[in-house]
Amino acid sequence: MSHKLTMRFNTEEDGKYFSLSIDNIKKDENGQPDITEEQVKSLMDIIIQKKIFVSKTGDLTAKKDAKIVSTSSESFQV
């Protein structure tokens, strides 16, 4: 199973947001995501404060939401 962290930020333009996904996030010994809510909040704060990313709709102004997306796949022998 693969896991990625998806974060969304509000931008200067009302109603618009910027999305950022990070693949292959840290896992524990059982293969489950090993990242805390506090770590995600801190990361998002740093991204906003340091103006690390540029968006077509302006600077990132606030945290909108974040989630861990888990996906699995099954291969078929054909």
N, C-alpha and C. Protein backbone atom coordinates (compact mmCIF):
# COMPACT_ATOMS: atom_id res chain seq x y z
N MET A 1 0.85 -1.17 0.00
CA MET A 1 0.00 0.00 0.00
C MET A 1 0.89 1.23 0.00
N SER A 2 0.49 2.21 -0.75
CA SER A 2 1.25 3.45 -0.82
C SER A 2 0.46 4.56 -0.14
N HIS A 3 1.18 5.50 0.44
CA HIS A 3 0.55 6.61 1.17
C HIS A 3 1.15 7.91 0.69
N LYS A 4 0.31 8.94 0.60
CA LYS A 4 0.82 10.27 0.29
C LYS A 4 0.09 11.29 1.15
N LEU A 5 0.80 12.36 1.42
CA LEU A 5 0.25 13.46 2.19
C LEU A 5 -0.21 14.53 1.20
N THR A 6 -1.48 14.91 1.28
CA THR A 6 -2.03 15.96 0.42
C THR A 6 -2.40 17.15 1.30
N MET A 7 -1.86 18.32 0.94
CA MET A 7 -2.11 19.53 1.71
C MET A 7 -2.72 20.58 0.78
N ARG A 8 -3.70 21.31 1.28
CA ARG A 8 -4.29 22.41 0.50
C ARG A 8 -4.18 23.70 1.30
N PHE A 9 -3.85 24.76 0.58
CA PHE A 9 -3.64 26.08 1.17
C PHE A 9 -4.56 27.09 0.48
N ASN A 10 -5.13 28.01 1.26
CA ASN A 10 -5.85 29.13 0.67
C ASN A 10 -4.82 30.06 0.05
N THR A 11 -5.24 30.77 -1.01
CA THR A 11 -4.34 31.74 -1.64
C THR A 11 -4.96 33.13 -1.55
N GLU A 12 -4.22 34.11 -2.07
CA GLU A 12 -4.68 35.50 -1.98
C GLU A 12 -6.00 35.73 -2.72
N GLU A 13 -6.25 34.97 -3.78
CA GLU A 13 -7.49 35.12 -4.53
C GLU A 13 -8.61 34.36 -3.83
N ASP A 14 -9.68 35.08 -3.48
CA ASP A 14 -10.80 34.47 -2.74
C ASP A 14 -11.32 33.22 -3.42
N GLY A 15 -11.52 32.18 -2.62
CA GLY A 15 -12.11 30.94 -3.11
C GLY A 15 -11.14 30.03 -3.85
N LYS A 16 -9.91 30.45 -4.01
CA LYS A 16 -8.92 29.64 -4.72
C LYS A 16 -7.97 29.00 -3.72
N TYR A 17 -7.43 27.85 -4.11
CA TYR A 17 -6.49 27.17 -3.24
C TYR A 17 -5.38 26.52 -4.05
N PHE A 18 -4.31 26.17 -3.37
CA PHE A 18 -3.13 25.54 -3.94
C PHE A 18 -2.99 24.17 -3.28
N SER A 19 -2.78 23.14 -4.09
CA SER A 19 -2.64 21.77 -3.58
C SER A 19 -1.21 21.30 -3.73
N LEU A 20 -0.77 20.55 -2.73
CA LEU A 20 0.59 19.99 -2.75
C LEU A 20 0.51 18.57 -2.20
N SER A 21 1.08 17.61 -2.94
CA SER A 21 1.09 16.21 -2.49
C SER A 21 2.53 15.73 -2.36
N ILE A 22 2.78 14.98 -1.31
CA ILE A 22 4.09 14.39 -1.07
C ILE A 22 3.91 12.87 -1.04
N ASP A 23 4.57 12.20 -1.97
CA ASP A 23 4.50 10.73 -2.06
C ASP A 23 5.49 10.09 -1.09
N ASN A 24 5.25 8.81 -0.82
CA ASN A 24 6.18 7.99 -0.03
C ASN A 24 6.53 8.61 1.32
N ILE A 25 5.51 8.98 2.06
CA ILE A 25 5.75 9.56 3.38
C ILE A 25 6.27 8.49 4.34
N LYS A 26 6.83 8.93 5.43
CA LYS A 26 7.41 8.05 6.44
C LYS A 26 6.39 7.02 6.94
N LYS A 27 6.87 5.77 7.06
CA LYS A 27 6.00 4.68 7.54
C LYS A 27 6.59 4.05 8.80
N ASP A 28 5.72 3.48 9.62
CA ASP A 28 6.19 2.74 10.80
C ASP A 28 6.54 1.31 10.40
N GLU A 29 6.90 0.50 11.38
CA GLU A 29 7.32 -0.88 11.10
C GLU A 29 6.21 -1.74 10.51
N ASN A 30 4.95 -1.31 10.63
CA ASN A 30 3.81 -2.05 10.07
C ASN A 30 3.39 -1.52 8.70
N GLY A 31 4.13 -0.55 8.18
CA GLY A 31 3.81 0.02 6.88
C GLY A 31 2.73 1.08 6.90
N GLN A 32 2.35 1.54 8.10
CA GLN A 32 1.34 2.58 8.23
C GLN A 32 2.00 3.95 8.29
N PRO A 33 1.30 4.99 7.84
CA PRO A 33 1.88 6.34 7.88
C PRO A 33 2.33 6.70 9.30
N ASP A 34 3.51 7.28 9.40
CA ASP A 34 4.09 7.64 10.70
C ASP A 34 4.35 9.14 10.73
N ILE A 35 3.28 9.90 10.67
CA ILE A 35 3.37 11.36 10.69
C ILE A 35 2.21 11.87 11.54
N THR A 36 2.48 12.86 12.37
CA THR A 36 1.44 13.36 13.29
C THR A 36 0.76 14.60 12.72
N GLU A 37 -0.39 14.88 13.26
CA GLU A 37 -1.12 16.09 12.88
C GLU A 37 -0.28 17.34 13.18
N GLU A 38 0.40 17.34 14.30
CA GLU A 38 1.24 18.48 14.66
C GLU A 38 2.38 18.68 13.66
N GLN A 39 2.98 17.60 13.19
CA GLN A 39 4.05 17.69 12.19
C GLN A 39 3.52 18.29 10.88
N VAL A 40 2.33 17.88 10.49
CA VAL A 40 1.73 18.40 9.26
C VAL A 40 1.42 19.89 9.42
N LYS A 41 0.83 20.27 10.54
CA LYS A 41 0.53 21.68 10.79
C LYS A 41 1.80 22.52 10.76
N SER A 42 2.84 22.03 11.38
CA SER A 42 4.12 22.74 11.41
C SER A 42 4.70 22.88 10.01
N LEU A 43 4.67 21.81 9.24
CA LEU A 43 5.16 21.85 7.86
C LEU A 43 4.39 22.87 7.05
N MET A 44 3.07 22.87 7.17
CA MET A 44 2.25 23.82 6.42
C MET A 44 2.54 25.26 6.83
N ASP A 45 2.73 25.49 8.13
CA ASP A 45 3.08 26.83 8.61
C ASP A 45 4.40 27.31 8.00
N ILE A 46 5.39 26.43 7.96
CA ILE A 46 6.70 26.77 7.40
C ILE A 46 6.58 27.10 5.91
N ILE A 47 5.81 26.29 5.18
CA ILE A 47 5.61 26.53 3.75
C ILE A 47 5.00 27.90 3.51
N ILE A 48 4.01 28.28 4.34
CA ILE A 48 3.37 29.59 4.20
C ILE A 48 4.34 30.71 4.58
N GLN A 49 4.99 30.58 5.73
CA GLN A 49 5.89 31.63 6.23
C GLN A 49 7.07 31.90 5.31
N LYS A 50 7.67 30.84 4.78
CA LYS A 50 8.87 30.97 3.95
C LYS A 50 8.56 31.24 2.49
N LYS A 51 7.27 31.23 2.14
CA LYS A 51 6.84 31.47 0.75
C LYS A 51 7.62 30.57 -0.22
N ILE A 52 7.62 29.28 0.09
CA ILE A 52 8.38 28.30 -0.67
C ILE A 52 7.79 28.07 -2.06
N PHE A 53 6.48 28.11 -2.22
CA PHE A 53 5.83 27.84 -3.49
C PHE A 53 5.12 29.08 -4.02
N VAL A 54 5.08 29.17 -5.35
CA VAL A 54 4.40 30.26 -6.03
C VAL A 54 3.14 29.69 -6.67
N SER A 55 2.04 30.42 -6.53
CA SER A 55 0.77 29.98 -7.09
C SER A 55 0.27 31.00 -8.10
N LYS A 56 -0.45 30.55 -9.12
CA LYS A 56 -1.05 31.46 -10.11
C LYS A 56 -2.04 32.41 -9.45
N THR A 57 -2.59 32.00 -8.30
CA THR A 57 -3.63 32.81 -7.65
C THR A 57 -3.09 33.57 -6.44
N GLY A 58 -1.77 33.74 -6.38
CA GLY A 58 -1.17 34.55 -5.33
C GLY A 58 -0.47 33.73 -4.27
N ASP A 59 0.03 34.45 -3.26
CA ASP A 59 0.74 33.80 -2.16
C ASP A 59 -0.19 32.86 -1.39
N LEU A 60 0.41 31.86 -0.77
CA LEU A 60 -0.35 30.97 0.11
C LEU A 60 -0.59 31.75 1.40
N THR A 61 -1.85 31.82 1.83
CA THR A 61 -2.19 32.67 2.97
C THR A 61 -2.60 31.91 4.22
N ALA A 62 -3.12 30.70 4.07
CA ALA A 62 -3.60 29.95 5.24
C ALA A 62 -3.72 28.47 4.89
N LYS A 63 -3.74 27.66 5.95
CA LYS A 63 -3.96 26.22 5.78
C LYS A 63 -5.44 25.99 5.51
N LYS A 64 -5.74 25.20 4.49
CA LYS A 64 -7.14 24.84 4.19
C LYS A 64 -7.44 23.47 4.79
N ASP A 65 -6.70 22.45 4.40
CA ASP A 65 -6.87 21.12 4.96
C ASP A 65 -5.70 20.23 4.56
N ALA A 66 -5.63 19.08 5.18
CA ALA A 66 -4.58 18.11 4.87
C ALA A 66 -5.13 16.71 5.14
N LYS A 67 -4.63 15.75 4.38
CA LYS A 67 -5.06 14.37 4.60
C LYS A 67 -4.00 13.41 4.06
N ILE A 68 -4.04 12.21 4.60
CA ILE A 68 -3.20 11.14 4.09
C ILE A 68 -4.07 10.29 3.19
N VAL A 69 -3.63 10.08 1.97
CA VAL A 69 -4.35 9.27 1.00
C VAL A 69 -3.61 7.95 0.85
N SER A 70 -4.31 6.84 1.09
CA SER A 70 -3.72 5.52 0.98
C SER A 70 -4.31 4.80 -0.23
N THR A 71 -3.44 4.22 -1.03
CA THR A 71 -3.91 3.49 -2.20
C THR A 71 -3.25 2.11 -2.24
N SER A 72 -3.96 1.20 -2.77
CA SER A 72 -3.41 -0.13 -2.97
C SER A 72 -3.74 -0.58 -4.39
N SER A 73 -2.98 -1.50 -4.89
CA SER A 73 -3.24 -2.02 -6.22
C SER A 73 -3.06 -3.53 -6.22
N GLU A 74 -3.72 -4.15 -7.15
CA GLU A 74 -3.61 -5.59 -7.31
C GLU A 74 -3.33 -5.87 -8.78
N SER A 75 -2.26 -6.58 -9.02
CA SER A 75 -1.88 -6.91 -10.40
C SER A 75 -2.53 -8.21 -10.81
N PHE A 76 -2.86 -8.31 -12.07
CA PHE A 76 -3.41 -9.53 -12.64
C PHE A 76 -2.40 -10.10 -13.62
N GLN A 77 -2.24 -11.39 -13.57
CA GLN A 77 -1.36 -12.05 -14.51
C GLN A 77 -2.18 -12.38 -15.74
N VAL A 78 -1.81 -11.77 -16.86
CA VAL A 78 -2.58 -11.97 -18.09
C VAL A 78 -1.75 -12.65 -19.16
